[in-house]
Amino acid sequence: MSTSKGTSYTPGELILMVYDGAIDYLKKAEEMLNRGDLEGKKKMLFRAQDCITELMCSLNMEAGEIANSLYRLYDYSNRRLMQASTQGEGEPIKEVLTILSELKEGWNEAVQKEEGTFSYDR
């Protein structure tokens, strides 16, 4: 990715990158599930969970109810991905993909408002 700022990213931009990582891993997990590659699916799910854990750790819990709500959504998402890892169905993966995609969209809007004209949209 290239921005006019070179390789310096704001915290908001970094959060968006973590969302993209999680979303990419979930899409790969779906592909691997469809191909019957259960070990590959598990690896991609673990990587997505790592991204979600990073999002959880980045929260400023002193920010109030929004941070608490995000934490609960991230925790729920990680639990659903644990279920997806042990089960052969793709529904939990789809559900978490939807959750993270919607949250990323909200973050992208917030970053645009906070940082001006920047738009991180892969």
N, C-alpha and C. Protein backbone atom coordinates (compact mmCIF):
# COMPACT_ATOMS: atom_id res chain seq x y z
N MET A 1 0.84 -1.17 0.00
CA MET A 1 0.00 0.00 0.00
C MET A 1 0.88 1.23 0.00
N SER A 2 0.45 2.21 -0.70
CA SER A 2 1.23 3.43 -0.80
C SER A 2 0.34 4.61 -0.44
N THR A 3 0.84 5.46 0.42
CA THR A 3 0.13 6.69 0.74
C THR A 3 1.10 7.85 0.55
N SER A 4 0.55 9.04 0.57
CA SER A 4 1.41 10.21 0.41
C SER A 4 2.31 10.38 1.62
N LYS A 5 2.01 9.67 2.70
CA LYS A 5 2.82 9.78 3.90
C LYS A 5 3.99 8.81 3.91
N GLY A 6 4.19 8.05 2.86
CA GLY A 6 5.26 7.06 2.85
C GLY A 6 4.86 5.84 3.65
N THR A 7 5.69 5.46 4.60
CA THR A 7 5.40 4.25 5.37
C THR A 7 4.91 4.55 6.78
N SER A 8 4.57 5.77 7.07
CA SER A 8 4.03 6.14 8.36
C SER A 8 2.51 6.05 8.33
N TYR A 9 1.97 5.28 9.25
CA TYR A 9 0.52 5.12 9.30
C TYR A 9 -0.01 5.61 10.64
N THR A 10 -1.21 6.13 10.60
CA THR A 10 -1.87 6.56 11.83
C THR A 10 -2.43 5.32 12.53
N PRO A 11 -2.78 5.44 13.80
CA PRO A 11 -3.40 4.31 14.48
C PRO A 11 -4.68 3.84 13.78
N GLY A 12 -5.46 4.77 13.25
CA GLY A 12 -6.69 4.38 12.54
C GLY A 12 -6.39 3.57 11.30
N GLU A 13 -5.37 3.96 10.56
CA GLU A 13 -4.97 3.22 9.36
C GLU A 13 -4.49 1.81 9.72
N LEU A 14 -3.75 1.71 10.82
CA LEU A 14 -3.26 0.40 11.26
C LEU A 14 -4.42 -0.52 11.65
N ILE A 15 -5.42 0.04 12.31
CA ILE A 15 -6.61 -0.76 12.67
C ILE A 15 -7.27 -1.29 11.41
N LEU A 16 -7.40 -0.44 10.40
CA LEU A 16 -8.01 -0.88 9.14
C LEU A 16 -7.20 -2.00 8.49
N MET A 17 -5.90 -1.93 8.60
CA MET A 17 -5.06 -2.99 8.04
C MET A 17 -5.27 -4.32 8.78
N VAL A 18 -5.46 -4.24 10.10
CA VAL A 18 -5.71 -5.46 10.86
C VAL A 18 -7.07 -6.05 10.46
N TYR A 19 -8.06 -5.20 10.28
CA TYR A 19 -9.36 -5.68 9.78
C TYR A 19 -9.18 -6.40 8.44
N ASP A 20 -8.43 -5.78 7.53
CA ASP A 20 -8.22 -6.40 6.23
C ASP A 20 -7.53 -7.75 6.35
N GLY A 21 -6.56 -7.85 7.24
CA GLY A 21 -5.89 -9.12 7.46
C GLY A 21 -6.87 -10.18 7.91
N ALA A 22 -7.69 -9.86 8.89
CA ALA A 22 -8.67 -10.82 9.40
C ALA A 22 -9.65 -11.23 8.30
N ILE A 23 -10.12 -10.26 7.56
CA ILE A 23 -11.09 -10.54 6.48
C ILE A 23 -10.45 -11.43 5.41
N ASP A 24 -9.22 -11.13 5.04
CA ASP A 24 -8.53 -11.95 4.04
C ASP A 24 -8.36 -13.39 4.54
N TYR A 25 -7.95 -13.55 5.79
CA TYR A 25 -7.78 -14.90 6.34
C TYR A 25 -9.10 -15.66 6.37
N LEU A 26 -10.19 -14.97 6.68
CA LEU A 26 -11.49 -15.64 6.71
C LEU A 26 -11.93 -16.07 5.32
N LYS A 27 -11.66 -15.23 4.33
CA LYS A 27 -11.99 -15.60 2.95
C LYS A 27 -11.18 -16.82 2.52
N LYS A 28 -9.90 -16.85 2.89
CA LYS A 28 -9.07 -18.01 2.58
C LYS A 28 -9.56 -19.26 3.32
N ALA A 29 -9.99 -19.08 4.56
CA ALA A 29 -10.53 -20.21 5.32
C ALA A 29 -11.76 -20.79 4.64
N GLU A 30 -12.63 -19.91 4.13
CA GLU A 30 -13.81 -20.37 3.39
C GLU A 30 -13.40 -21.17 2.15
N GLU A 31 -12.43 -20.64 1.41
CA GLU A 31 -11.96 -21.33 0.21
C GLU A 31 -11.41 -22.71 0.56
N MET A 32 -10.64 -22.78 1.61
CA MET A 32 -10.04 -24.05 2.01
C MET A 32 -11.10 -25.04 2.50
N LEU A 33 -12.10 -24.54 3.19
CA LEU A 33 -13.21 -25.39 3.62
C LEU A 33 -13.91 -25.96 2.40
N ASN A 34 -14.16 -25.13 1.41
CA ASN A 34 -14.83 -25.58 0.18
C ASN A 34 -14.01 -26.61 -0.58
N ARG A 35 -12.68 -26.52 -0.47
CA ARG A 35 -11.80 -27.48 -1.14
C ARG A 35 -11.57 -28.74 -0.31
N GLY A 36 -12.03 -28.71 0.95
CA GLY A 36 -11.83 -29.86 1.83
C GLY A 36 -10.49 -29.85 2.56
N ASP A 37 -9.78 -28.74 2.51
CA ASP A 37 -8.49 -28.60 3.19
C ASP A 37 -8.76 -28.12 4.62
N LEU A 38 -9.06 -29.07 5.51
CA LEU A 38 -9.44 -28.71 6.88
C LEU A 38 -8.27 -28.17 7.69
N GLU A 39 -7.06 -28.69 7.45
CA GLU A 39 -5.89 -28.15 8.16
C GLU A 39 -5.60 -26.72 7.71
N GLY A 40 -5.69 -26.47 6.43
CA GLY A 40 -5.50 -25.11 5.92
C GLY A 40 -6.55 -24.16 6.47
N LYS A 41 -7.79 -24.64 6.54
CA LYS A 41 -8.88 -23.83 7.11
C LYS A 41 -8.56 -23.45 8.55
N LYS A 42 -8.11 -24.42 9.34
CA LYS A 42 -7.79 -24.15 10.74
C LYS A 42 -6.68 -23.12 10.87
N LYS A 43 -5.65 -23.23 10.03
CA LYS A 43 -4.55 -22.27 10.08
C LYS A 43 -5.03 -20.86 9.78
N MET A 44 -5.88 -20.73 8.76
CA MET A 44 -6.40 -19.41 8.41
C MET A 44 -7.30 -18.85 9.51
N LEU A 45 -8.08 -19.73 10.14
CA LEU A 45 -8.94 -19.28 11.24
C LEU A 45 -8.10 -18.81 12.43
N PHE A 46 -7.02 -19.53 12.73
CA PHE A 46 -6.14 -19.10 13.83
C PHE A 46 -5.53 -17.73 13.53
N ARG A 47 -5.15 -17.51 12.29
CA ARG A 47 -4.59 -16.21 11.92
C ARG A 47 -5.64 -15.11 12.04
N ALA A 48 -6.86 -15.41 11.62
CA ALA A 48 -7.95 -14.43 11.76
C ALA A 48 -8.19 -14.13 13.24
N GLN A 49 -8.15 -15.16 14.07
CA GLN A 49 -8.33 -14.96 15.51
C GLN A 49 -7.20 -14.10 16.09
N ASP A 50 -5.99 -14.29 15.60
CA ASP A 50 -4.88 -13.44 16.04
C ASP A 50 -5.16 -11.97 15.72
N CYS A 51 -5.69 -11.73 14.54
CA CYS A 51 -6.04 -10.35 14.15
C CYS A 51 -7.12 -9.79 15.07
N ILE A 52 -8.13 -10.60 15.34
CA ILE A 52 -9.22 -10.13 16.21
C ILE A 52 -8.69 -9.86 17.62
N THR A 53 -7.80 -10.72 18.10
CA THR A 53 -7.19 -10.49 19.42
C THR A 53 -6.40 -9.19 19.42
N GLU A 54 -5.72 -8.90 18.33
CA GLU A 54 -4.99 -7.63 18.21
C GLU A 54 -5.97 -6.45 18.27
N LEU A 55 -7.11 -6.58 17.61
CA LEU A 55 -8.13 -5.52 17.68
C LEU A 55 -8.62 -5.35 19.11
N MET A 56 -8.80 -6.46 19.82
CA MET A 56 -9.25 -6.39 21.22
C MET A 56 -8.22 -5.65 22.08
N CYS A 57 -6.96 -5.99 21.86
CA CYS A 57 -5.88 -5.37 22.66
C CYS A 57 -5.70 -3.89 22.35
N SER A 58 -6.11 -3.47 21.18
CA SER A 58 -5.93 -2.07 20.79
C SER A 58 -7.02 -1.16 21.35
N LEU A 59 -8.06 -1.74 21.93
CA LEU A 59 -9.16 -0.93 22.46
C LEU A 59 -8.73 -0.14 23.69
N ASN A 60 -9.19 1.08 23.76
CA ASN A 60 -9.02 1.90 24.96
C ASN A 60 -10.29 1.71 25.79
N MET A 61 -10.21 0.83 26.77
CA MET A 61 -11.40 0.47 27.53
C MET A 61 -11.93 1.64 28.37
N GLU A 62 -11.14 2.67 28.54
CA GLU A 62 -11.60 3.86 29.25
C GLU A 62 -12.49 4.72 28.37
N ALA A 63 -12.61 4.37 27.10
CA ALA A 63 -13.42 5.15 26.17
C ALA A 63 -14.92 4.95 26.38
N GLY A 64 -15.29 3.98 27.20
CA GLY A 64 -16.70 3.82 27.53
C GLY A 64 -17.39 2.68 26.81
N GLU A 65 -18.68 2.88 26.60
CA GLU A 65 -19.54 1.81 26.09
C GLU A 65 -19.18 1.34 24.69
N ILE A 66 -18.70 2.22 23.85
CA ILE A 66 -18.32 1.80 22.49
C ILE A 66 -17.20 0.76 22.56
N ALA A 67 -16.19 1.03 23.38
CA ALA A 67 -15.08 0.08 23.52
C ALA A 67 -15.58 -1.24 24.11
N ASN A 68 -16.47 -1.15 25.10
CA ASN A 68 -17.02 -2.37 25.70
C ASN A 68 -17.83 -3.18 24.68
N SER A 69 -18.60 -2.49 23.86
CA SER A 69 -19.40 -3.17 22.84
C SER A 69 -18.51 -3.82 21.79
N LEU A 70 -17.47 -3.11 21.37
CA LEU A 70 -16.54 -3.69 20.40
C LEU A 70 -15.85 -4.91 20.99
N TYR A 71 -15.44 -4.81 22.24
CA TYR A 71 -14.78 -5.94 22.90
C TYR A 71 -15.69 -7.17 22.89
N ARG A 72 -16.96 -6.97 23.22
CA ARG A 72 -17.91 -8.09 23.23
C ARG A 72 -18.09 -8.68 21.82
N LEU A 73 -18.15 -7.82 20.81
CA LEU A 73 -18.26 -8.31 19.43
C LEU A 73 -17.02 -9.10 19.00
N TYR A 74 -15.85 -8.58 19.36
CA TYR A 74 -14.61 -9.29 19.03
C TYR A 74 -14.55 -10.64 19.76
N ASP A 75 -14.92 -10.62 21.03
CA ASP A 75 -14.91 -11.87 21.81
C ASP A 75 -15.89 -12.89 21.21
N TYR A 76 -17.07 -12.42 20.87
CA TYR A 76 -18.06 -13.29 20.23
C TYR A 76 -17.51 -13.86 18.91
N SER A 77 -16.89 -12.99 18.13
CA SER A 77 -16.33 -13.41 16.84
C SER A 77 -15.26 -14.49 17.04
N ASN A 78 -14.40 -14.30 18.02
CA ASN A 78 -13.37 -15.31 18.28
C ASN A 78 -13.99 -16.64 18.71
N ARG A 79 -15.03 -16.58 19.53
CA ARG A 79 -15.70 -17.82 19.95
C ARG A 79 -16.35 -18.52 18.76
N ARG A 80 -16.95 -17.76 17.86
CA ARG A 80 -17.55 -18.36 16.66
C ARG A 80 -16.49 -19.01 15.78
N LEU A 81 -15.33 -18.37 15.69
CA LEU A 81 -14.26 -18.95 14.88
C LEU A 81 -13.68 -20.21 15.52
N MET A 82 -13.70 -20.28 16.85
CA MET A 82 -13.30 -21.53 17.52
C MET A 82 -14.27 -22.64 17.13
N GLN A 83 -15.55 -22.31 17.09
CA GLN A 83 -16.55 -23.30 16.67
C GLN A 83 -16.30 -23.71 15.22
N ALA A 84 -16.02 -22.75 14.37
CA ALA A 84 -15.78 -23.05 12.95
C ALA A 84 -14.55 -23.94 12.79
N SER A 85 -13.57 -23.76 13.67
CA SER A 85 -12.35 -24.55 13.58
C SER A 85 -12.60 -26.02 13.90
N THR A 86 -13.55 -26.27 14.79
CA THR A 86 -13.82 -27.66 15.19
C THR A 86 -14.95 -28.29 14.40
N GLN A 87 -15.73 -27.49 13.70
CA GLN A 87 -16.85 -28.00 12.92
C GLN A 87 -16.53 -27.91 11.44
N GLY A 88 -17.27 -28.64 10.66
CA GLY A 88 -17.06 -28.63 9.22
C GLY A 88 -17.96 -27.69 8.46
N GLU A 89 -18.61 -26.78 9.16
CA GLU A 89 -19.54 -25.88 8.47
C GLU A 89 -18.97 -24.48 8.35
N GLY A 90 -19.45 -23.77 7.37
CA GLY A 90 -18.92 -22.44 7.09
C GLY A 90 -19.73 -21.29 7.64
N GLU A 91 -20.87 -21.57 8.25
CA GLU A 91 -21.75 -20.49 8.72
C GLU A 91 -21.07 -19.55 9.72
N PRO A 92 -20.32 -20.07 10.71
CA PRO A 92 -19.65 -19.13 11.63
C PRO A 92 -18.65 -18.23 10.91
N ILE A 93 -17.99 -18.75 9.90
CA ILE A 93 -17.03 -17.94 9.14
C ILE A 93 -17.76 -16.82 8.43
N LYS A 94 -18.86 -17.14 7.77
CA LYS A 94 -19.66 -16.12 7.07
C LYS A 94 -20.15 -15.05 8.03
N GLU A 95 -20.61 -15.49 9.20
CA GLU A 95 -21.13 -14.56 10.20
C GLU A 95 -20.04 -13.58 10.65
N VAL A 96 -18.87 -14.10 10.95
CA VAL A 96 -17.78 -13.23 11.41
C VAL A 96 -17.28 -12.33 10.27
N LEU A 97 -17.28 -12.85 9.05
CA LEU A 97 -16.92 -12.01 7.90
C LEU A 97 -17.86 -10.81 7.80
N THR A 98 -19.14 -11.04 7.98
CA THR A 98 -20.12 -9.96 7.94
C THR A 98 -19.87 -8.95 9.06
N ILE A 99 -19.65 -9.45 10.26
CA ILE A 99 -19.41 -8.57 11.41
C ILE A 99 -18.18 -7.70 11.16
N LEU A 100 -17.07 -8.34 10.77
CA LEU A 100 -15.83 -7.58 10.59
C LEU A 100 -15.91 -6.62 9.41
N SER A 101 -16.60 -7.01 8.36
CA SER A 101 -16.74 -6.12 7.19
C SER A 101 -17.52 -4.87 7.57
N GLU A 102 -18.58 -5.05 8.34
CA GLU A 102 -19.38 -3.89 8.77
C GLU A 102 -18.60 -3.00 9.73
N LEU A 103 -17.86 -3.62 10.65
CA LEU A 103 -17.05 -2.82 11.58
C LEU A 103 -15.96 -2.06 10.84
N LYS A 104 -15.34 -2.72 9.85
CA LYS A 104 -14.29 -2.06 9.07
C LYS A 104 -14.86 -0.84 8.34
N GLU A 105 -16.05 -0.99 7.79
CA GLU A 105 -16.68 0.13 7.10
C GLU A 105 -16.87 1.31 8.05
N GLY A 106 -17.31 1.02 9.26
CA GLY A 106 -17.48 2.08 10.26
C GLY A 106 -16.16 2.72 10.63
N TRP A 107 -15.13 1.90 10.81
CA TRP A 107 -13.80 2.45 11.12
C TRP A 107 -13.29 3.30 9.97
N ASN A 108 -13.51 2.85 8.75
CA ASN A 108 -13.04 3.61 7.59
C ASN A 108 -13.69 5.00 7.57
N GLU A 109 -14.98 5.06 7.86
CA GLU A 109 -15.67 6.35 7.90
C GLU A 109 -15.11 7.23 9.02
N ALA A 110 -14.85 6.62 10.17
CA ALA A 110 -14.31 7.38 11.30
C ALA A 110 -12.92 7.92 10.98
N VAL A 111 -12.09 7.09 10.34
CA VAL A 111 -10.74 7.52 9.98
C VAL A 111 -10.81 8.66 8.97
N GLN A 112 -11.73 8.57 8.01
CA GLN A 112 -11.87 9.64 7.02
C GLN A 112 -12.25 10.95 7.69
N LYS A 113 -13.18 10.89 8.64
CA LYS A 113 -13.59 12.11 9.33
C LYS A 113 -12.47 12.68 10.17
N GLU A 114 -11.74 11.80 10.84
CA GLU A 114 -10.67 12.22 11.75
C GLU A 114 -9.44 12.72 10.99
N GLU A 115 -9.12 12.05 9.90
CA GLU A 115 -7.86 12.31 9.23
C GLU A 115 -8.01 13.00 7.89
N GLY A 116 -9.18 13.51 7.61
CA GLY A 116 -9.37 14.27 6.37
C GLY A 116 -9.72 13.41 5.19
N THR A 117 -9.02 13.59 4.11
CA THR A 117 -9.39 12.96 2.85
C THR A 117 -8.92 11.53 2.72
N PHE A 118 -8.13 11.03 3.67
CA PHE A 118 -7.60 9.67 3.55
C PHE A 118 -8.74 8.67 3.47
N SER A 119 -8.61 7.74 2.58
CA SER A 119 -9.55 6.63 2.50
C SER A 119 -8.77 5.35 2.27
N TYR A 120 -8.82 4.47 3.25
CA TYR A 120 -8.15 3.18 3.12
C TYR A 120 -9.20 2.17 2.71
N ASP A 121 -9.20 1.83 1.45
CA ASP A 121 -10.19 0.88 0.97
C ASP A 121 -9.52 0.00 -0.05
N ARG A 122 -9.26 -1.23 0.34
CA ARG A 122 -8.61 -2.16 -0.58
C ARG A 122 -9.60 -2.75 -1.52
